[in-house]
Amino acid sequence: MIELTIRVDSINYTDLSELLLPMLSDRLPKDGLMGRLLNSPERAESLVKEILGRMSQEQKDELLVKYINQNSDKAMDKLEDMAARNGVSMKLGKISAKTL
């Protein structure tokens, strides 16, 4: 068994806005005027970028950690598929993230 640790020193959260949209959209109103205004994906993405711009670095890091941990099975599948395409058979046991 091998444990691999990857440390991310910086990341552009605006580039991740589409990825984080589903998590942040849970916090947005669904009814009334705001719900209708956010009905378009472009408007919702614009608002998510605005929200990310107002969040502290710590809040953004916590949001990304939550996203990674909630989607770890998908990430493992993709990494295993990529390895297989390169002729390497492997089975990952766990992917998790935490803030430092």
PDB file of N, CA and C in Angstrom:
ATOM      1  N   MET A   1       0.850  -1.183   0.000  1.00  0.00           N
ATOM      2  CA  MET A   1       0.000   0.000   0.000  1.00  0.00           C
ATOM      3  C   MET A   1       0.889   1.237   0.000  1.00  0.00           C
ATOM      4  N   ILE A   2       0.486   2.247  -0.740  1.00  0.00           N
ATOM      5  CA  ILE A   2       1.222   3.511  -0.843  1.00  0.00           C
ATOM      6  C   ILE A   2       0.249   4.648  -0.543  1.00  0.00           C
ATOM      7  N   GLU A   3       0.696   5.601   0.260  1.00  0.00           N
ATOM      8  CA  GLU A   3      -0.111   6.802   0.493  1.00  0.00           C
ATOM      9  C   GLU A   3       0.567   7.963  -0.213  1.00  0.00           C
ATOM     10  N   LEU A   4      -0.179   8.662  -1.037  1.00  0.00           N
ATOM     11  CA  LEU A   4       0.320   9.797  -1.803  1.00  0.00           C
ATOM     12  C   LEU A   4      -0.376  11.051  -1.308  1.00  0.00           C
ATOM     13  N   THR A   5       0.402  12.068  -0.982  1.00  0.00           N
ATOM     14  CA  THR A   5      -0.160  13.337  -0.524  1.00  0.00           C
ATOM     15  C   THR A   5       0.168  14.413  -1.549  1.00  0.00           C
ATOM     16  N   ILE A   6      -0.834  15.190  -1.926  1.00  0.00           N
ATOM     17  CA  ILE A   6      -0.643  16.313  -2.843  1.00  0.00           C
ATOM     18  C   ILE A   6      -1.101  17.568  -2.115  1.00  0.00           C
ATOM     19  N   ARG A   7      -0.241  18.566  -2.046  1.00  0.00           N
ATOM     20  CA  ARG A   7      -0.594  19.823  -1.394  1.00  0.00           C
ATOM     21  C   ARG A   7      -0.824  20.882  -2.461  1.00  0.00           C
ATOM     22  N   VAL A   8      -1.954  21.540  -2.405  1.00  0.00           N
ATOM     23  CA  VAL A   8      -2.274  22.612  -3.352  1.00  0.00           C
ATOM     24  C   VAL A   8      -1.976  23.937  -2.653  1.00  0.00           C
ATOM     25  N   ASP A   9      -1.015  24.681  -3.195  1.00  0.00           N
ATOM     26  CA  ASP A   9      -0.629  25.957  -2.589  1.00  0.00           C
ATOM     27  C   ASP A   9      -1.518  27.109  -3.027  1.00  0.00           C
ATOM     28  N   SER A  10      -2.018  27.060  -4.261  1.00  0.00           N
ATOM     29  CA  SER A  10      -2.933  28.108  -4.708  1.00  0.00           C
ATOM     30  C   SER A  10      -3.816  27.547  -5.808  1.00  0.00           C
ATOM     31  N   ILE A  11      -4.981  28.156  -5.932  1.00  0.00           N
ATOM     32  CA  ILE A  11      -5.943  27.731  -6.949  1.00  0.00           C
ATOM     33  C   ILE A  11      -6.804  28.932  -7.315  1.00  0.00           C
ATOM     34  N   ASN A  12      -7.173  29.047  -8.570  1.00  0.00           N
ATOM     35  CA  ASN A  12      -8.028  30.138  -9.018  1.00  0.00           C
ATOM     36  C   ASN A  12      -9.475  29.672  -8.896  1.00  0.00           C
ATOM     37  N   TYR A  13     -10.165  30.151  -7.889  1.00  0.00           N
ATOM     38  CA  TYR A  13     -11.525  29.698  -7.625  1.00  0.00           C
ATOM     39  C   TYR A  13     -12.512  30.163  -8.685  1.00  0.00           C
ATOM     40  N   THR A  14     -12.221  31.266  -9.353  1.00  0.00           N
ATOM     41  CA  THR A  14     -13.102  31.717 -10.427  1.00  0.00           C
ATOM     42  C   THR A  14     -13.128  30.681 -11.548  1.00  0.00           C
ATOM     43  N   ASP A  15     -11.973  30.061 -11.807  1.00  0.00           N
ATOM     44  CA  ASP A  15     -11.916  29.009 -12.827  1.00  0.00           C
ATOM     45  C   ASP A  15     -12.755  27.797 -12.432  1.00  0.00           C
ATOM     46  N   LEU A  16     -12.983  27.626 -11.143  1.00  0.00           N
ATOM     47  CA  LEU A  16     -13.752  26.482 -10.643  1.00  0.00           C
ATOM     48  C   LEU A  16     -15.230  26.805 -10.459  1.00  0.00           C
ATOM     49  N   SER A  17     -15.648  27.988 -10.853  1.00  0.00           N
ATOM     50  CA  SER A  17     -17.017  28.411 -10.556  1.00  0.00           C
ATOM     51  C   SER A  17     -18.064  27.446 -11.098  1.00  0.00           C
ATOM     52  N   GLU A  18     -17.870  26.920 -12.309  1.00  0.00           N
ATOM     53  CA  GLU A  18     -18.849  25.974 -12.862  1.00  0.00           C
ATOM     54  C   GLU A  18     -18.889  24.695 -12.036  1.00  0.00           C
ATOM     55  N   LEU A  19     -17.731  24.280 -11.558  1.00  0.00           N
ATOM     56  CA  LEU A  19     -17.638  23.064 -10.752  1.00  0.00           C
ATOM     57  C   LEU A  19     -18.348  23.249  -9.410  1.00  0.00           C
ATOM     58  N   LEU A  20     -18.198  24.439  -8.830  1.00  0.00           N
ATOM     59  CA  LEU A  20     -18.759  24.707  -7.506  1.00  0.00           C
ATOM     60  C   LEU A  20     -20.198  25.211  -7.556  1.00  0.00           C
ATOM     61  N   LEU A  21     -20.696  25.489  -8.755  1.00  0.00           N
ATOM     62  CA  LEU A  21     -22.047  26.028  -8.917  1.00  0.00           C
ATOM     63  C   LEU A  21     -23.116  25.198  -8.207  1.00  0.00           C
ATOM     64  N   PRO A  22     -23.133  23.876  -8.352  1.00  0.00           N
ATOM     65  CA  PRO A  22     -24.183  23.114  -7.671  1.00  0.00           C
ATOM     66  C   PRO A  22     -24.160  23.276  -6.151  1.00  0.00           C
ATOM     67  N   MET A  23     -22.981  23.341  -5.557  1.00  0.00           N
ATOM     68  CA  MET A  23     -22.896  23.494  -4.100  1.00  0.00           C
ATOM     69  C   MET A  23     -23.348  24.876  -3.661  1.00  0.00           C
ATOM     70  N   LEU A  24     -22.943  25.911  -4.399  1.00  0.00           N
ATOM     71  CA  LEU A  24     -23.317  27.265  -4.019  1.00  0.00           C
ATOM     72  C   LEU A  24     -24.774  27.557  -4.346  1.00  0.00           C
ATOM     73  N   SER A  25     -25.306  26.925  -5.376  1.00  0.00           N
ATOM     74  CA  SER A  25     -26.694  27.203  -5.753  1.00  0.00           C
ATOM     75  C   SER A  25     -27.665  26.734  -4.674  1.00  0.00           C
ATOM     76  N   ASP A  26     -27.241  25.795  -3.835  1.00  0.00           N
ATOM     77  CA  ASP A  26     -28.082  25.371  -2.712  1.00  0.00           C
ATOM     78  C   ASP A  26     -28.328  26.521  -1.748  1.00  0.00           C
ATOM     79  N   ARG A  27     -27.418  27.483  -1.738  1.00  0.00           N
ATOM     80  CA  ARG A  27     -27.527  28.623  -0.818  1.00  0.00           C
ATOM     81  C   ARG A  27     -28.315  29.786  -1.432  1.00  0.00           C
ATOM     82  N   LEU A  28     -28.631  29.689  -2.717  1.00  0.00           N
ATOM     83  CA  LEU A  28     -29.323  30.780  -3.398  1.00  0.00           C
ATOM     84  C   LEU A  28     -30.834  30.591  -3.335  1.00  0.00           C
ATOM     85  N   PRO A  29     -31.592  31.697  -3.334  1.00  0.00           N
ATOM     86  CA  PRO A  29     -33.051  31.575  -3.296  1.00  0.00           C
ATOM     87  C   PRO A  29     -33.597  30.918  -4.559  1.00  0.00           C
ATOM     88  N   LYS A  30     -34.627  30.111  -4.380  1.00  0.00           N
ATOM     89  CA  LYS A  30     -35.235  29.411  -5.519  1.00  0.00           C
ATOM     90  C   LYS A  30     -36.564  30.052  -5.932  1.00  0.00           C
ATOM     91  N   ASP A  31     -37.158  30.823  -5.024  1.00  0.00           N
ATOM     92  CA  ASP A  31     -38.474  31.404  -5.274  1.00  0.00           C
ATOM     93  C   ASP A  31     -38.364  32.916  -5.453  1.00  0.00           C
ATOM     94  N   GLY A  32     -39.453  33.507  -5.870  1.00  0.00           N
ATOM     95  CA  GLY A  32     -39.555  34.955  -5.977  1.00  0.00           C
ATOM     96  C   GLY A  32     -38.701  35.520  -7.094  1.00  0.00           C
ATOM     97  N   LEU A  33     -38.460  36.804  -7.002  1.00  0.00           N
ATOM     98  CA  LEU A  33     -37.723  37.525  -8.035  1.00  0.00           C
ATOM     99  C   LEU A  33     -36.313  36.970  -8.213  1.00  0.00           C
ATOM    100  N   MET A  34     -35.608  36.726  -7.111  1.00  0.00           N
ATOM    101  CA  MET A  34     -34.240  36.203  -7.219  1.00  0.00           C
ATOM    102  C   MET A  34     -34.230  34.838  -7.890  1.00  0.00           C
ATOM    103  N   GLY A  35     -35.177  33.999  -7.575  1.00  0.00           N
ATOM    104  CA  GLY A  35     -35.258  32.683  -8.206  1.00  0.00           C
ATOM    105  C   GLY A  35     -35.449  32.789  -9.705  1.00  0.00           C
ATOM    106  N   ARG A  36     -36.301  33.708 -10.128  1.00  0.00           N
ATOM    107  CA  ARG A  36     -36.525  33.906 -11.571  1.00  0.00           C
ATOM    108  C   ARG A  36     -35.299  34.508 -12.249  1.00  0.00           C
ATOM    109  N   LEU A  37     -34.631  35.436 -11.563  1.00  0.00           N
ATOM    110  CA  LEU A  37     -33.438  36.050 -12.136  1.00  0.00           C
ATOM    111  C   LEU A  37     -32.309  35.034 -12.315  1.00  0.00           C
ATOM    112  N   LEU A  38     -32.245  34.065 -11.410  1.00  0.00           N
ATOM    113  CA  LEU A  38     -31.160  33.085 -11.445  1.00  0.00           C
ATOM    114  C   LEU A  38     -31.515  31.854 -12.257  1.00  0.00           C
ATOM    115  N   ASN A  39     -32.645  31.901 -12.935  1.00  0.00           N
ATOM    116  CA  ASN A  39     -33.110  30.760 -13.714  1.00  0.00           C
ATOM    117  C   ASN A  39     -32.169  30.422 -14.864  1.00  0.00           C
ATOM    118  N   SER A  40     -31.432  31.403 -15.362  1.00  0.00           N
ATOM    119  CA  SER A  40     -30.514  31.150 -16.483  1.00  0.00           C
ATOM    120  C   SER A  40     -29.149  30.727 -15.941  1.00  0.00           C
ATOM    121  N   PRO A  41     -28.531  29.738 -16.571  1.00  0.00           N
ATOM    122  CA  PRO A  41     -27.208  29.277 -16.125  1.00  0.00           C
ATOM    123  C   PRO A  41     -26.151  30.380 -16.134  1.00  0.00           C
ATOM    124  N   GLU A  42     -26.229  31.290 -17.106  1.00  0.00           N
ATOM    125  CA  GLU A  42     -25.251  32.370 -17.188  1.00  0.00           C
ATOM    126  C   GLU A  42     -25.366  33.298 -15.981  1.00  0.00           C
ATOM    127  N   ARG A  43     -26.599  33.620 -15.611  1.00  0.00           N
ATOM    128  CA  ARG A  43     -26.806  34.492 -14.453  1.00  0.00           C
ATOM    129  C   ARG A  43     -26.364  33.801 -13.176  1.00  0.00           C
ATOM    130  N   ALA A  44     -26.670  32.526 -13.059  1.00  0.00           N
ATOM    131  CA  ALA A  44     -26.283  31.778 -11.866  1.00  0.00           C
ATOM    132  C   ALA A  44     -24.766  31.711 -11.760  1.00  0.00           C
ATOM    133  N   GLU A  45     -24.088  31.453 -12.882  1.00  0.00           N
ATOM    134  CA  GLU A  45     -22.625  31.387 -12.845  1.00  0.00           C
ATOM    135  C   GLU A  45     -22.023  32.743 -12.487  1.00  0.00           C
ATOM    136  N   SER A  46     -22.610  33.799 -13.017  1.00  0.00           N
ATOM    137  CA  SER A  46     -22.139  35.138 -12.695  1.00  0.00           C
ATOM    138  C   SER A  46     -22.274  35.411 -11.197  1.00  0.00           C
ATOM    139  N   LEU A  47     -23.404  35.003 -10.628  1.00  0.00           N
ATOM    140  CA  LEU A  47     -23.614  35.212  -9.206  1.00  0.00           C
ATOM    141  C   LEU A  47     -22.650  34.369  -8.379  1.00  0.00           C
ATOM    142  N   VAL A  48     -22.385  33.149  -8.815  1.00  0.00           N
ATOM    143  CA  VAL A  48     -21.439  32.297  -8.095  1.00  0.00           C
ATOM    144  C   VAL A  48     -20.056  32.937  -8.109  1.00  0.00           C
ATOM    145  N   LYS A  49     -19.648  33.499  -9.243  1.00  0.00           N
ATOM    146  CA  LYS A  49     -18.359  34.185  -9.302  1.00  0.00           C
ATOM    147  C   LYS A  49     -18.341  35.362  -8.331  1.00  0.00           C
ATOM    148  N   GLU A  50     -19.457  36.071  -8.255  1.00  0.00           N
ATOM    149  CA  GLU A  50     -19.563  37.191  -7.317  1.00  0.00           C
ATOM    150  C   GLU A  50     -19.455  36.698  -5.877  1.00  0.00           C
ATOM    151  N   ILE A  51     -20.160  35.615  -5.561  1.00  0.00           N
ATOM    152  CA  ILE A  51     -20.108  35.053  -4.208  1.00  0.00           C
ATOM    153  C   ILE A  51     -18.679  34.626  -3.879  1.00  0.00           C
ATOM    154  N   LEU A  52     -18.034  33.918  -4.808  1.00  0.00           N
ATOM    155  CA  LEU A  52     -16.654  33.480  -4.573  1.00  0.00           C
ATOM    156  C   LEU A  52     -15.733  34.673  -4.353  1.00  0.00           C
ATOM    157  N   GLY A  53     -15.973  35.760  -5.076  1.00  0.00           N
ATOM    158  CA  GLY A  53     -15.156  36.960  -4.913  1.00  0.00           C
ATOM    159  C   GLY A  53     -15.299  37.593  -3.547  1.00  0.00           C
ATOM    160  N   ARG A  54     -16.434  37.381  -2.908  1.00  0.00           N
ATOM    161  CA  ARG A  54     -16.680  37.972  -1.586  1.00  0.00           C
ATOM    162  C   ARG A  54     -16.311  37.042  -0.431  1.00  0.00           C
ATOM    163  N   MET A  55     -16.065  35.782  -0.734  1.00  0.00           N
ATOM    164  CA  MET A  55     -15.716  34.820   0.315  1.00  0.00           C
ATOM    165  C   MET A  55     -14.248  34.980   0.700  1.00  0.00           C
ATOM    166  N   SER A  56     -13.958  34.697   1.963  1.00  0.00           N
ATOM    167  CA  SER A  56     -12.571  34.707   2.409  1.00  0.00           C
ATOM    168  C   SER A  56     -11.852  33.494   1.822  1.00  0.00           C
ATOM    169  N   GLN A  57     -10.527  33.537   1.824  1.00  0.00           N
ATOM    170  CA  GLN A  57      -9.749  32.402   1.323  1.00  0.00           C
ATOM    171  C   GLN A  57     -10.082  31.137   2.117  1.00  0.00           C
ATOM    172  N   GLU A  58     -10.245  31.274   3.407  1.00  0.00           N
ATOM    173  CA  GLU A  58     -10.579  30.131   4.258  1.00  0.00           C
ATOM    174  C   GLU A  58     -11.935  29.531   3.867  1.00  0.00           C
ATOM    175  N   GLN A  59     -12.928  30.376   3.605  1.00  0.00           N
ATOM    176  CA  GLN A  59     -14.246  29.889   3.197  1.00  0.00           C
ATOM    177  C   GLN A  59     -14.177  29.168   1.849  1.00  0.00           C
ATOM    178  N   LYS A  60     -13.405  29.721   0.911  1.00  0.00           N
ATOM    179  CA  LYS A  60     -13.261  29.081  -0.403  1.00  0.00           C
ATOM    180  C   LYS A  60     -12.561  27.737  -0.269  1.00  0.00           C
ATOM    181  N   ASP A  61     -11.527  27.698   0.556  1.00  0.00           N
ATOM    182  CA  ASP A  61     -10.814  26.441   0.770  1.00  0.00           C
ATOM    183  C   ASP A  61     -11.738  25.384   1.376  1.00  0.00           C
ATOM    184  N   GLU A  62     -12.541  25.777   2.358  1.00  0.00           N
ATOM    185  CA  GLU A  62     -13.467  24.841   2.986  1.00  0.00           C
ATOM    186  C   GLU A  62     -14.512  24.338   1.978  1.00  0.00           C
ATOM    187  N   LEU A  63     -14.977  25.211   1.106  1.00  0.00           N
ATOM    188  CA  LEU A  63     -15.944  24.818   0.085  1.00  0.00           C
ATOM    189  C   LEU A  63     -15.336  23.789  -0.869  1.00  0.00           C
ATOM    190  N   LEU A  64     -14.105  24.032  -1.307  1.00  0.00           N
ATOM    191  CA  LEU A  64     -13.450  23.091  -2.219  1.00  0.00           C
ATOM    192  C   LEU A  64     -13.160  21.757  -1.537  1.00  0.00           C
ATOM    193  N   VAL A  65     -12.755  21.791  -0.277  1.00  0.00           N
ATOM    194  CA  VAL A  65     -12.526  20.553   0.477  1.00  0.00           C
ATOM    195  C   VAL A  65     -13.824  19.751   0.554  1.00  0.00           C
ATOM    196  N   LYS A  66     -14.918  20.436   0.822  1.00  0.00           N
ATOM    197  CA  LYS A  66     -16.225  19.759   0.878  1.00  0.00           C
ATOM    198  C   LYS A  66     -16.560  19.136  -0.476  1.00  0.00           C
ATOM    199  N   TYR A  67     -16.309  19.875  -1.563  1.00  0.00           N
ATOM    200  CA  TYR A  67     -16.589  19.363  -2.907  1.00  0.00           C
ATOM    201  C   TYR A  67     -15.747  18.118  -3.196  1.00  0.00           C
ATOM    202  N   ILE A  68     -14.464  18.191  -2.894  1.00  0.00           N
ATOM    203  CA  ILE A  68     -13.578  17.049  -3.146  1.00  0.00           C
ATOM    204  C   ILE A  68     -14.037  15.832  -2.361  1.00  0.00           C
ATOM    205  N   ASN A  69     -14.343  16.019  -1.094  1.00  0.00           N
ATOM    206  CA  ASN A  69     -14.748  14.885  -0.261  1.00  0.00           C
ATOM    207  C   ASN A  69     -16.091  14.300  -0.697  1.00  0.00           C
ATOM    208  N   GLN A  70     -17.007  15.139  -1.156  1.00  0.00           N
ATOM    209  CA  GLN A  70     -18.304  14.639  -1.626  1.00  0.00           C
ATOM    210  C   GLN A  70     -18.192  13.915  -2.965  1.00  0.00           C
ATOM    211  N   ASN A  71     -17.160  14.216  -3.732  1.00  0.00           N
ATOM    212  CA  ASN A  71     -17.003  13.636  -5.062  1.00  0.00           C
ATOM    213  C   ASN A  71     -15.784  12.729  -5.173  1.00  0.00           C
ATOM    214  N   SER A  72     -15.323  12.213  -4.055  1.00  0.00           N
ATOM    215  CA  SER A  72     -14.098  11.412  -4.071  1.00  0.00           C
ATOM    216  C   SER A  72     -14.251  10.134  -4.888  1.00  0.00           C
ATOM    217  N   ASP A  73     -15.421   9.505  -4.867  1.00  0.00           N
ATOM    218  CA  ASP A  73     -15.615   8.283  -5.658  1.00  0.00           C
ATOM    219  C   ASP A  73     -15.459   8.561  -7.151  1.00  0.00           C
ATOM    220  N   LYS A  74     -16.024   9.676  -7.611  1.00  0.00           N
ATOM    221  CA  LYS A  74     -15.885  10.051  -9.026  1.00  0.00           C
ATOM    222  C   LYS A  74     -14.428  10.313  -9.374  1.00  0.00           C
ATOM    223  N   ALA A  75     -13.718  10.992  -8.480  1.00  0.00           N
ATOM    224  CA  ALA A  75     -12.307  11.296  -8.726  1.00  0.00           C
ATOM    225  C   ALA A  75     -11.488  10.011  -8.801  1.00  0.00           C
ATOM    226  N   MET A  76     -11.772   9.075  -7.912  1.00  0.00           N
ATOM    227  CA  MET A  76     -11.047   7.803  -7.940  1.00  0.00           C
ATOM    228  C   MET A  76     -11.316   7.055  -9.236  1.00  0.00           C
ATOM    229  N   ASP A  77     -12.573   7.031  -9.673  1.00  0.00           N
ATOM    230  CA  ASP A  77     -12.916   6.365 -10.936  1.00  0.00           C
ATOM    231  C   ASP A  77     -12.154   6.981 -12.101  1.00  0.00           C
ATOM    232  N   LYS A  78     -12.107   8.312 -12.151  1.00  0.00           N
ATOM    233  CA  LYS A  78     -11.416   8.991 -13.259  1.00  0.00           C
ATOM    234  C   LYS A  78      -9.916   8.711 -13.234  1.00  0.00           C
ATOM    235  N   LEU A  79      -9.313   8.724 -12.049  1.00  0.00           N
ATOM    236  CA  LEU A  79      -7.886   8.438 -11.956  1.00  0.00           C
ATOM    237  C   LEU A  79      -7.583   6.995 -12.336  1.00  0.00           C
ATOM    238  N   GLU A  80      -8.439   6.078 -11.908  1.00  0.00           N
ATOM    239  CA  GLU A  80      -8.256   4.671 -12.274  1.00  0.00           C
ATOM    240  C   GLU A  80      -8.406   4.473 -13.780  1.00  0.00           C
ATOM    241  N   ASP A  81      -9.375   5.150 -14.391  1.00  0.00           N
ATOM    242  CA  ASP A  81      -9.570   5.079 -15.841  1.00  0.00           C
ATOM    243  C   ASP A  81      -8.362   5.639 -16.582  1.00  0.00           C
ATOM    244  N   MET A  82      -7.844   6.769 -16.105  1.00  0.00           N
ATOM    245  CA  MET A  82      -6.682   7.381 -16.742  1.00  0.00           C
ATOM    246  C   MET A  82      -5.463   6.443 -16.646  1.00  0.00           C
ATOM    247  N   ALA A  83      -5.286   5.831 -15.498  1.00  0.00           N
ATOM    248  CA  ALA A  83      -4.177   4.887 -15.338  1.00  0.00           C
ATOM    249  C   ALA A  83      -4.343   3.706 -16.295  1.00  0.00           C
ATOM    250  N   ALA A  84      -5.562   3.193 -16.408  1.00  0.00           N
ATOM    251  CA  ALA A  84      -5.820   2.049 -17.292  1.00  0.00           C
ATOM    252  C   ALA A  84      -5.528   2.416 -18.751  1.00  0.00           C
ATOM    253  N   ARG A  85      -5.890   3.633 -19.162  1.00  0.00           N
ATOM    254  CA  ARG A  85      -5.600   4.075 -20.532  1.00  0.00           C
ATOM    255  C   ARG A  85      -4.098   4.142 -20.798  1.00  0.00           C
ATOM    256  N   ASN A  86      -3.331   4.277 -19.720  1.00  0.00           N
ATOM    257  CA  ASN A  86      -1.877   4.327 -19.846  1.00  0.00           C
ATOM    258  C   ASN A  86      -1.224   2.991 -19.502  1.00  0.00           C
ATOM    259  N   GLY A  87      -2.035   1.937 -19.476  1.00  0.00           N
ATOM    260  CA  GLY A  87      -1.513   0.598 -19.275  1.00  0.00           C
ATOM    261  C   GLY A  87      -1.218   0.218 -17.838  1.00  0.00           C
ATOM    262  N   VAL A  88      -1.757   0.967 -16.879  1.00  0.00           N
ATOM    263  CA  VAL A  88      -1.506   0.678 -15.466  1.00  0.00           C
ATOM    264  C   VAL A  88      -2.812   0.279 -14.805  1.00  0.00           C
ATOM    265  N   SER A  89      -2.831  -0.923 -14.242  1.00  0.00           N
ATOM    266  CA  SER A  89      -4.001  -1.385 -13.510  1.00  0.00           C
ATOM    267  C   SER A  89      -3.817  -1.046 -12.037  1.00  0.00           C
ATOM    268  N   MET A  90      -4.780  -0.320 -11.469  1.00  0.00           N
ATOM    269  CA  MET A  90      -4.689   0.021 -10.047  1.00  0.00           C
ATOM    270  C   MET A  90      -6.081   0.232  -9.474  1.00  0.00           C
ATOM    271  N   LYS A  91      -6.182   0.083  -8.176  1.00  0.00           N
ATOM    272  CA  LYS A  91      -7.430   0.322  -7.447  1.00  0.00           C
ATOM    273  C   LYS A  91      -7.109   1.284  -6.316  1.00  0.00           C
ATOM    274  N   LEU A  92      -7.734   2.467  -6.351  1.00  0.00           N
ATOM    275  CA  LEU A  92      -7.521   3.461  -5.301  1.00  0.00           C
ATOM    276  C   LEU A  92      -8.413   3.155  -4.110  1.00  0.00           C
ATOM    277  N   GLY A  93      -7.927   3.413  -2.935  1.00  0.00           N
ATOM    278  CA  GLY A  93      -8.689   3.136  -1.724  1.00  0.00           C
ATOM    279  C   GLY A  93      -9.430   4.334  -1.174  1.00  0.00           C
ATOM    280  N   LYS A  94      -8.829   5.531  -1.313  1.00  0.00           N
ATOM    281  CA  LYS A  94      -9.450   6.691  -0.700  1.00  0.00           C
ATOM    282  C   LYS A  94      -8.827   7.966  -1.247  1.00  0.00           C
ATOM    283  N   ILE A  95      -9.666   8.951  -1.495  1.00  0.00           N
ATOM    284  CA  ILE A  95      -9.222  10.303  -1.791  1.00  0.00           C
ATOM    285  C   ILE A  95      -9.971  11.214  -0.822  1.00  0.00           C
ATOM    286  N   SER A  96      -9.241  12.035  -0.115  1.00  0.00           N
ATOM    287  CA  SER A  96      -9.895  12.956   0.800  1.00  0.00           C
ATOM    288  C   SER A  96      -9.079  14.252   0.853  1.00  0.00           C
ATOM    289  N   ALA A  97      -9.719  15.292   1.313  1.00  0.00           N
ATOM    290  CA  ALA A  97      -9.064  16.597   1.412  1.00  0.00           C
ATOM    291  C   ALA A  97      -9.353  17.201   2.780  1.00  0.00           C
ATOM    292  N   LYS A  98      -8.441  18.048   3.230  1.00  0.00           N
ATOM    293  CA  LYS A  98      -8.646  18.801   4.464  1.00  0.00           C
ATOM    294  C   LYS A  98      -7.881  20.106   4.351  1.00  0.00           C
ATOM    295  N   THR A  99      -8.325  21.099   5.052  1.00  0.00           N
ATOM    296  CA  THR A  99      -7.611  22.374   5.048  1.00  0.00           C
ATOM    297  C   THR A  99      -6.466  22.287   6.055  1.00  0.00           C
ATOM    298  N   LEU A 100      -5.442  23.042   5.778  1.00  0.00           N
ATOM    299  CA  LEU A 100      -4.272  23.071   6.690  1.00  0.00           C
ATOM    300  C   LEU A 100      -4.218  24.358   7.463  1.00  0.00           C
TER     301      LEU A 100
END
